[in-house]
Amino acid sequence: MGILDKAVAATKKVTDAAQEGFAEAKDKGQTLVLKRKINGYAEEIGHIIARQKGGEAGLDAEVDRLVSEMRAVEAEIKALDEA
């Protein structure tokens, strides 16, 4: 194997490692965004519960919707973790 072949092989190896690292960082960034989304839903649920405790009625559907959204985002996170 000549010097040029070795250089090409080394370059390919470095490029592959960089692409893998980029993909991993991208997944971690997406996971962070999704976790923040879950925190936002949890905060909204907390506000709704406070309103319920204050006597406001008819908010169960909103809580159910937010919980459903949270579960969907949790499924996205799980899919990213498994990839």
PDB file of N, CA and C in Angstrom:
ATOM      1  N   MET A   1       0.854  -1.173   0.000  1.00  0.00           N
ATOM      2  CA  MET A   1       0.000   0.000   0.000  1.00  0.00           C
ATOM      3  C   MET A   1       0.900   1.236   0.000  1.00  0.00           C
ATOM      4  N   GLY A   2       0.648   2.100  -0.966  1.00  0.00           N
ATOM      5  CA  GLY A   2       1.469   3.289  -1.101  1.00  0.00           C
ATOM      6  C   GLY A   2       1.080   4.366  -0.112  1.00  0.00           C
ATOM      7  N   ILE A   3       1.890   5.393  -0.075  1.00  0.00           N
ATOM      8  CA  ILE A   3       1.651   6.514   0.837  1.00  0.00           C
ATOM      9  C   ILE A   3       0.314   7.174   0.543  1.00  0.00           C
ATOM     10  N   LEU A   4      -0.005   7.326  -0.746  1.00  0.00           N
ATOM     11  CA  LEU A   4      -1.267   7.956  -1.118  1.00  0.00           C
ATOM     12  C   LEU A   4      -2.450   7.126  -0.645  1.00  0.00           C
ATOM     13  N   ASP A   5      -2.351   5.808  -0.799  1.00  0.00           N
ATOM     14  CA  ASP A   5      -3.428   4.930  -0.339  1.00  0.00           C
ATOM     15  C   ASP A   5      -3.600   5.029   1.174  1.00  0.00           C
ATOM     16  N   LYS A   6      -2.489   5.093   1.896  1.00  0.00           N
ATOM     17  CA  LYS A   6      -2.549   5.225   3.352  1.00  0.00           C
ATOM     18  C   LYS A   6      -3.175   6.557   3.750  1.00  0.00           C
ATOM     19  N   ALA A   7      -2.824   7.610   3.039  1.00  0.00           N
ATOM     20  CA  ALA A   7      -3.378   8.927   3.342  1.00  0.00           C
ATOM     21  C   ALA A   7      -4.886   8.941   3.086  1.00  0.00           C
ATOM     22  N   VAL A   8      -5.314   8.327   1.982  1.00  0.00           N
ATOM     23  CA  VAL A   8      -6.740   8.263   1.662  1.00  0.00           C
ATOM     24  C   VAL A   8      -7.481   7.464   2.725  1.00  0.00           C
ATOM     25  N   ALA A   9      -6.924   6.352   3.149  1.00  0.00           N
ATOM     26  CA  ALA A   9      -7.552   5.516   4.175  1.00  0.00           C
ATOM     27  C   ALA A   9      -7.646   6.265   5.506  1.00  0.00           C
ATOM     28  N   ALA A  10      -6.593   6.969   5.868  1.00  0.00           N
ATOM     29  CA  ALA A  10      -6.593   7.731   7.125  1.00  0.00           C
ATOM     30  C   ALA A  10      -7.611   8.867   7.059  1.00  0.00           C
ATOM     31  N   THR A  11      -7.690   9.528   5.918  1.00  0.00           N
ATOM     32  CA  THR A  11      -8.655  10.612   5.748  1.00  0.00           C
ATOM     33  C   THR A  11     -10.073  10.096   5.857  1.00  0.00           C
ATOM     34  N   LYS A  12     -10.341   8.944   5.243  1.00  0.00           N
ATOM     35  CA  LYS A  12     -11.678   8.348   5.311  1.00  0.00           C
ATOM     36  C   LYS A  12     -12.022   7.998   6.755  1.00  0.00           C
ATOM     37  N   LYS A  13     -11.055   7.446   7.473  1.00  0.00           N
ATOM     38  CA  LYS A  13     -11.275   7.068   8.861  1.00  0.00           C
ATOM     39  C   LYS A  13     -11.606   8.301   9.714  1.00  0.00           C
ATOM     40  N   VAL A  14     -10.869   9.382   9.530  1.00  0.00           N
ATOM     41  CA  VAL A  14     -11.103  10.616  10.281  1.00  0.00           C
ATOM     42  C   VAL A  14     -12.461  11.208   9.904  1.00  0.00           C
ATOM     43  N   THR A  15     -12.789  11.203   8.622  1.00  0.00           N
ATOM     44  CA  THR A  15     -14.068  11.735   8.156  1.00  0.00           C
ATOM     45  C   THR A  15     -15.226  10.946   8.743  1.00  0.00           C
ATOM     46  N   ASP A  16     -15.125   9.620   8.742  1.00  0.00           N
ATOM     47  CA  ASP A  16     -16.173   8.776   9.309  1.00  0.00           C
ATOM     48  C   ASP A  16     -16.359   9.047  10.806  1.00  0.00           C
ATOM     49  N   ALA A  17     -15.263   9.201  11.513  1.00  0.00           N
ATOM     50  CA  ALA A  17     -15.336   9.476  12.957  1.00  0.00           C
ATOM     51  C   ALA A  17     -15.972  10.844  13.204  1.00  0.00           C
ATOM     52  N   ALA A  18     -15.627  11.822  12.386  1.00  0.00           N
ATOM     53  CA  ALA A  18     -16.203  13.157  12.546  1.00  0.00           C
ATOM     54  C   ALA A  18     -17.698  13.136  12.264  1.00  0.00           C
ATOM     55  N   GLN A  19     -18.107  12.420  11.231  1.00  0.00           N
ATOM     56  CA  GLN A  19     -19.529  12.330  10.908  1.00  0.00           C
ATOM     57  C   GLN A  19     -20.302  11.626  12.015  1.00  0.00           C
ATOM     58  N   GLU A  20     -19.714  10.590  12.587  1.00  0.00           N
ATOM     59  CA  GLU A  20     -20.353   9.878  13.692  1.00  0.00           C
ATOM     60  C   GLU A  20     -20.486  10.791  14.910  1.00  0.00           C
ATOM     61  N   GLY A  21     -19.450  11.548  15.200  1.00  0.00           N
ATOM     62  CA  GLY A  21     -19.487  12.483  16.321  1.00  0.00           C
ATOM     63  C   GLY A  21     -20.528  13.570  16.103  1.00  0.00           C
ATOM     64  N   PHE A  22     -20.638  14.057  14.870  1.00  0.00           N
ATOM     65  CA  PHE A  22     -21.635  15.071  14.554  1.00  0.00           C
ATOM     66  C   PHE A  22     -23.038  14.520  14.739  1.00  0.00           C
ATOM     67  N   ALA A  23     -23.277  13.312  14.259  1.00  0.00           N
ATOM     68  CA  ALA A  23     -24.601  12.698  14.400  1.00  0.00           C
ATOM     69  C   ALA A  23     -24.957  12.507  15.872  1.00  0.00           C
ATOM     70  N   GLU A  24     -23.981  12.106  16.663  1.00  0.00           N
ATOM     71  CA  GLU A  24     -24.210  11.903  18.094  1.00  0.00           C
ATOM     72  C   GLU A  24     -24.527  13.226  18.786  1.00  0.00           C
ATOM     73  N   ALA A  25     -23.802  14.267  18.435  1.00  0.00           N
ATOM     74  CA  ALA A  25     -24.052  15.585  19.024  1.00  0.00           C
ATOM     75  C   ALA A  25     -25.426  16.106  18.604  1.00  0.00           C
ATOM     76  N   LYS A  26     -25.790  15.852  17.384  1.00  0.00           N
ATOM     77  CA  LYS A  26     -27.104  16.284  16.894  1.00  0.00           C
ATOM     78  C   LYS A  26     -28.212  15.588  17.679  1.00  0.00           C
ATOM     79  N   ASP A  27     -28.068  14.284  17.903  1.00  0.00           N
ATOM     80  CA  ASP A  27     -29.062  13.533  18.676  1.00  0.00           C
ATOM     81  C   ASP A  27     -29.160  14.065  20.105  1.00  0.00           C
ATOM     82  N   LYS A  28     -28.023  14.373  20.712  1.00  0.00           N
ATOM     83  CA  LYS A  28     -28.033  14.906  22.080  1.00  0.00           C
ATOM     84  C   LYS A  28     -28.711  16.269  22.113  1.00  0.00           C
ATOM     85  N   GLY A  29     -28.489  17.077  21.092  1.00  0.00           N
ATOM     86  CA  GLY A  29     -29.140  18.380  21.018  1.00  0.00           C
ATOM     87  C   GLY A  29     -30.644  18.242  20.873  1.00  0.00           C
ATOM     88  N   GLN A  30     -31.066  17.297  20.029  1.00  0.00           N
ATOM     89  CA  GLN A  30     -32.496  17.052  19.863  1.00  0.00           C
ATOM     90  C   GLN A  30     -33.116  16.556  21.165  1.00  0.00           C
ATOM     91  N   THR A  31     -32.414  15.686  21.854  1.00  0.00           N
ATOM     92  CA  THR A  31     -32.910  15.168  23.128  1.00  0.00           C
ATOM     93  C   THR A  31     -33.077  16.305  24.134  1.00  0.00           C
ATOM     94  N   LEU A  32     -32.130  17.212  24.182  1.00  0.00           N
ATOM     95  CA  LEU A  32     -32.212  18.347  25.101  1.00  0.00           C
ATOM     96  C   LEU A  32     -33.433  19.212  24.780  1.00  0.00           C
ATOM     97  N   VAL A  33     -33.660  19.484  23.506  1.00  0.00           N
ATOM     98  CA  VAL A  33     -34.823  20.283  23.101  1.00  0.00           C
ATOM     99  C   VAL A  33     -36.112  19.577  23.509  1.00  0.00           C
ATOM    100  N   LEU A  34     -36.175  18.270  23.306  1.00  0.00           N
ATOM    101  CA  LEU A  34     -37.374  17.517  23.658  1.00  0.00           C
ATOM    102  C   LEU A  34     -37.602  17.499  25.170  1.00  0.00           C
ATOM    103  N   LYS A  35     -36.523  17.380  25.943  1.00  0.00           N
ATOM    104  CA  LYS A  35     -36.666  17.401  27.406  1.00  0.00           C
ATOM    105  C   LYS A  35     -37.171  18.752  27.888  1.00  0.00           C
ATOM    106  N   ARG A  36     -36.720  19.816  27.243  1.00  0.00           N
ATOM    107  CA  ARG A  36     -37.226  21.148  27.601  1.00  0.00           C
ATOM    108  C   ARG A  36     -38.709  21.259  27.270  1.00  0.00           C
ATOM    109  N   LYS A  37     -39.107  20.633  26.175  1.00  0.00           N
ATOM    110  CA  LYS A  37     -40.522  20.638  25.791  1.00  0.00           C
ATOM    111  C   LYS A  37     -41.357  19.929  26.863  1.00  0.00           C
ATOM    112  N   ILE A  38     -40.857  18.798  27.354  1.00  0.00           N
ATOM    113  CA  ILE A  38     -41.548  18.068  28.419  1.00  0.00           C
ATOM    114  C   ILE A  38     -41.662  18.944  29.665  1.00  0.00           C
ATOM    115  N   ASN A  39     -40.586  19.646  30.013  1.00  0.00           N
ATOM    116  CA  ASN A  39     -40.627  20.531  31.177  1.00  0.00           C
ATOM    117  C   ASN A  39     -41.674  21.621  31.001  1.00  0.00           C
ATOM    118  N   GLY A  40     -41.819  22.119  29.804  1.00  0.00           N
ATOM    119  CA  GLY A  40     -42.840  23.127  29.533  1.00  0.00           C
ATOM    120  C   GLY A  40     -44.243  22.576  29.735  1.00  0.00           C
ATOM    121  N   TYR A  41     -44.464  21.354  29.248  1.00  0.00           N
ATOM    122  CA  TYR A  41     -45.769  20.717  29.447  1.00  0.00           C
ATOM    123  C   TYR A  41     -46.041  20.503  30.934  1.00  0.00           C
ATOM    124  N   ALA A  42     -45.022  20.064  31.669  1.00  0.00           N
ATOM    125  CA  ALA A  42     -45.191  19.839  33.109  1.00  0.00           C
ATOM    126  C   ALA A  42     -45.532  21.146  33.822  1.00  0.00           C
ATOM    127  N   GLU A  43     -44.898  22.224  33.407  1.00  0.00           N
ATOM    128  CA  GLU A  43     -45.185  23.520  34.006  1.00  0.00           C
ATOM    129  C   GLU A  43     -46.638  23.931  33.719  1.00  0.00           C
ATOM    130  N   GLU A  44     -47.083  23.714  32.480  1.00  0.00           N
ATOM    131  CA  GLU A  44     -48.470  24.032  32.135  1.00  0.00           C
ATOM    132  C   GLU A  44     -49.447  23.208  32.969  1.00  0.00           C
ATOM    133  N   ILE A  45     -49.130  21.935  33.161  1.00  0.00           N
ATOM    134  CA  ILE A  45     -49.994  21.073  33.974  1.00  0.00           C
ATOM    135  C   ILE A  45     -50.064  21.608  35.404  1.00  0.00           C
ATOM    136  N   GLY A  46     -48.938  22.045  35.920  1.00  0.00           N
ATOM    137  CA  GLY A  46     -48.914  22.623  37.267  1.00  0.00           C
ATOM    138  C   GLY A  46     -49.817  23.838  37.378  1.00  0.00           C
ATOM    139  N   HIS A  47     -49.792  24.691  36.378  1.00  0.00           N
ATOM    140  CA  HIS A  47     -50.660  25.877  36.385  1.00  0.00           C
ATOM    141  C   HIS A  47     -52.129  25.479  36.339  1.00  0.00           C
ATOM    142  N   ILE A  48     -52.430  24.465  35.545  1.00  0.00           N
ATOM    143  CA  ILE A  48     -53.821  24.010  35.440  1.00  0.00           C
ATOM    144  C   ILE A  48     -54.294  23.433  36.767  1.00  0.00           C
ATOM    145  N   ILE A  49     -53.449  22.654  37.411  1.00  0.00           N
ATOM    146  CA  ILE A  49     -53.819  22.069  38.703  1.00  0.00           C
ATOM    147  C   ILE A  49     -54.041  23.173  39.737  1.00  0.00           C
ATOM    148  N   ALA A  50     -53.207  24.197  39.703  1.00  0.00           N
ATOM    149  CA  ALA A  50     -53.410  25.319  40.620  1.00  0.00           C
ATOM    150  C   ALA A  50     -54.757  25.994  40.352  1.00  0.00           C
ATOM    151  N   ARG A  51     -55.120  26.117  39.082  1.00  0.00           N
ATOM    152  CA  ARG A  51     -56.427  26.703  38.748  1.00  0.00           C
ATOM    153  C   ARG A  51     -57.562  25.810  39.241  1.00  0.00           C
ATOM    154  N   GLN A  52     -57.364  24.485  39.112  1.00  0.00           N
ATOM    155  CA  GLN A  52     -58.389  23.540  39.596  1.00  0.00           C
ATOM    156  C   GLN A  52     -58.543  23.665  41.106  1.00  0.00           C
ATOM    157  N   LYS A  53     -57.433  23.756  41.812  1.00  0.00           N
ATOM    158  CA  LYS A  53     -57.481  23.888  43.271  1.00  0.00           C
ATOM    159  C   LYS A  53     -58.142  25.205  43.687  1.00  0.00           C
ATOM    160  N   GLY A  54     -58.093  26.174  42.784  1.00  0.00           N
ATOM    161  CA  GLY A  54     -58.735  27.450  43.046  1.00  0.00           C
ATOM    162  C   GLY A  54     -60.222  27.439  42.738  1.00  0.00           C
ATOM    163  N   GLY A  55     -60.718  26.299  42.279  1.00  0.00           N
ATOM    164  CA  GLY A  55     -62.151  26.164  42.057  1.00  0.00           C
ATOM    165  C   GLY A  55     -62.585  26.143  40.604  1.00  0.00           C
ATOM    166  N   GLU A  56     -61.653  26.331  39.688  1.00  0.00           N
ATOM    167  CA  GLU A  56     -62.025  26.312  38.272  1.00  0.00           C
ATOM    168  C   GLU A  56     -62.298  24.875  37.833  1.00  0.00           C
ATOM    169  N   ALA A  57     -63.365  24.679  37.104  1.00  0.00           N
ATOM    170  CA  ALA A  57     -63.762  23.333  36.676  1.00  0.00           C
ATOM    171  C   ALA A  57     -63.560  23.174  35.172  1.00  0.00           C
ATOM    172  N   GLY A  58     -63.648  21.937  34.725  1.00  0.00           N
ATOM    173  CA  GLY A  58     -63.597  21.641  33.304  1.00  0.00           C
ATOM    174  C   GLY A  58     -62.208  21.666  32.693  1.00  0.00           C
ATOM    175  N   LEU A  59     -61.185  21.420  33.473  1.00  0.00           N
ATOM    176  CA  LEU A  59     -59.818  21.482  32.964  1.00  0.00           C
ATOM    177  C   LEU A  59     -59.192  20.098  32.751  1.00  0.00           C
ATOM    178  N   ASP A  60     -59.946  19.051  33.045  1.00  0.00           N
ATOM    179  CA  ASP A  60     -59.400  17.695  32.922  1.00  0.00           C
ATOM    180  C   ASP A  60     -58.963  17.373  31.493  1.00  0.00           C
ATOM    181  N   ALA A  61     -59.729  17.828  30.511  1.00  0.00           N
ATOM    182  CA  ALA A  61     -59.381  17.551  29.117  1.00  0.00           C
ATOM    183  C   ALA A  61     -58.046  18.189  28.750  1.00  0.00           C
ATOM    184  N   GLU A  62     -57.800  19.359  29.276  1.00  0.00           N
ATOM    185  CA  GLU A  62     -56.532  20.050  29.001  1.00  0.00           C
ATOM    186  C   GLU A  62     -55.363  19.299  29.633  1.00  0.00           C
ATOM    187  N   VAL A  63     -55.549  18.807  30.847  1.00  0.00           N
ATOM    188  CA  VAL A  63     -54.502  18.016  31.497  1.00  0.00           C
ATOM    189  C   VAL A  63     -54.250  16.743  30.691  1.00  0.00           C
ATOM    190  N   ASP A  64     -55.312  16.083  30.262  1.00  0.00           N
ATOM    191  CA  ASP A  64     -55.164  14.859  29.468  1.00  0.00           C
ATOM    192  C   ASP A  64     -54.401  15.130  28.170  1.00  0.00           C
ATOM    193  N   ARG A  65     -54.702  16.253  27.526  1.00  0.00           N
ATOM    194  CA  ARG A  65     -54.021  16.607  26.277  1.00  0.00           C
ATOM    195  C   ARG A  65     -52.522  16.812  26.519  1.00  0.00           C
ATOM    196  N   LEU A  66     -52.200  17.532  27.577  1.00  0.00           N
ATOM    197  CA  LEU A  66     -50.795  17.800  27.881  1.00  0.00           C
ATOM    198  C   LEU A  66     -50.040  16.524  28.250  1.00  0.00           C
ATOM    199  N   VAL A  67     -50.684  15.651  29.009  1.00  0.00           N
ATOM    200  CA  VAL A  67     -50.048  14.371  29.364  1.00  0.00           C
ATOM    201  C   VAL A  67     -49.806  13.550  28.101  1.00  0.00           C
ATOM    202  N   SER A  68     -50.758  13.563  27.196  1.00  0.00           N
ATOM    203  CA  SER A  68     -50.601  12.857  25.927  1.00  0.00           C
ATOM    204  C   SER A  68     -49.428  13.426  25.126  1.00  0.00           C
ATOM    205  N   GLU A  69     -49.307  14.741  25.106  1.00  0.00           N
ATOM    206  CA  GLU A  69     -48.179  15.389  24.424  1.00  0.00           C
ATOM    207  C   GLU A  69     -46.854  14.976  25.059  1.00  0.00           C
ATOM    208  N   MET A  70     -46.827  14.939  26.390  1.00  0.00           N
ATOM    209  CA  MET A  70     -45.605  14.538  27.090  1.00  0.00           C
ATOM    210  C   MET A  70     -45.207  13.114  26.721  1.00  0.00           C
ATOM    211  N   ARG A  71     -46.183  12.231  26.679  1.00  0.00           N
ATOM    212  CA  ARG A  71     -45.882  10.833  26.338  1.00  0.00           C
ATOM    213  C   ARG A  71     -45.351  10.712  24.915  1.00  0.00           C
ATOM    214  N   ALA A  72     -45.894  11.498  24.005  1.00  0.00           N
ATOM    215  CA  ALA A  72     -45.414  11.477  22.624  1.00  0.00           C
ATOM    216  C   ALA A  72     -43.961  11.948  22.546  1.00  0.00           C
ATOM    217  N   VAL A  73     -43.639  12.983  23.289  1.00  0.00           N
ATOM    218  CA  VAL A  73     -42.268  13.498  23.290  1.00  0.00           C
ATOM    219  C   VAL A  73     -41.331  12.491  23.958  1.00  0.00           C
ATOM    220  N   GLU A  74     -41.792  11.847  25.022  1.00  0.00           N
ATOM    221  CA  GLU A  74     -40.977  10.817  25.681  1.00  0.00           C
ATOM    222  C   GLU A  74     -40.692   9.677  24.710  1.00  0.00           C
ATOM    223  N   ALA A  75     -41.657   9.324  23.862  1.00  0.00           N
ATOM    224  CA  ALA A  75     -41.448   8.285  22.858  1.00  0.00           C
ATOM    225  C   ALA A  75     -40.394   8.731  21.826  1.00  0.00           C
ATOM    226  N   GLU A  76     -40.402  10.007  21.470  1.00  0.00           N
ATOM    227  CA  GLU A  76     -39.381  10.532  20.556  1.00  0.00           C
ATOM    228  C   GLU A  76     -37.997  10.428  21.170  1.00  0.00           C
ATOM    229  N   ILE A  77     -37.903  10.767  22.448  1.00  0.00           N
ATOM    230  CA  ILE A  77     -36.617  10.673  23.139  1.00  0.00           C
ATOM    231  C   ILE A  77     -36.129   9.233  23.177  1.00  0.00           C
ATOM    232  N   LYS A  78     -37.032   8.319  23.479  1.00  0.00           N
ATOM    233  CA  LYS A  78     -36.666   6.903  23.536  1.00  0.00           C
ATOM    234  C   LYS A  78     -36.171   6.426  22.169  1.00  0.00           C
ATOM    235  N   ALA A  79     -36.838   6.864  21.110  1.00  0.00           N
ATOM    236  CA  ALA A  79     -36.418   6.476  19.751  1.00  0.00           C
ATOM    237  C   ALA A  79     -35.036   7.025  19.430  1.00  0.00           C
ATOM    238  N   LEU A  80     -34.739   8.247  19.861  1.00  0.00           N
ATOM    239  CA  LEU A  80     -33.412   8.822  19.637  1.00  0.00           C
ATOM    240  C   LEU A  80     -32.355   8.049  20.421  1.00  0.00           C
ATOM    241  N   ASP A  81     -32.687   7.665  21.647  1.00  0.00           N
ATOM    242  CA  ASP A  81     -31.735   6.929  22.483  1.00  0.00           C
ATOM    243  C   ASP A  81     -31.429   5.553  21.910  1.00  0.00           C
ATOM    244  N   GLU A  82     -32.423   4.951  21.268  1.00  0.00           N
ATOM    245  CA  GLU A  82     -32.237   3.609  20.723  1.00  0.00           C
ATOM    246  C   GLU A  82     -31.529   3.624  19.376  1.00  0.00           C
ATOM    247  N   ALA A  83     -31.510   4.774  18.728  1.00  0.00           N
ATOM    248  CA  ALA A  83     -30.880   4.871  17.396  1.00  0.00           C
ATOM    249  C   ALA A  83     -29.373   4.843  17.477  1.00  0.00           C
TER     250      ALA A  83
END
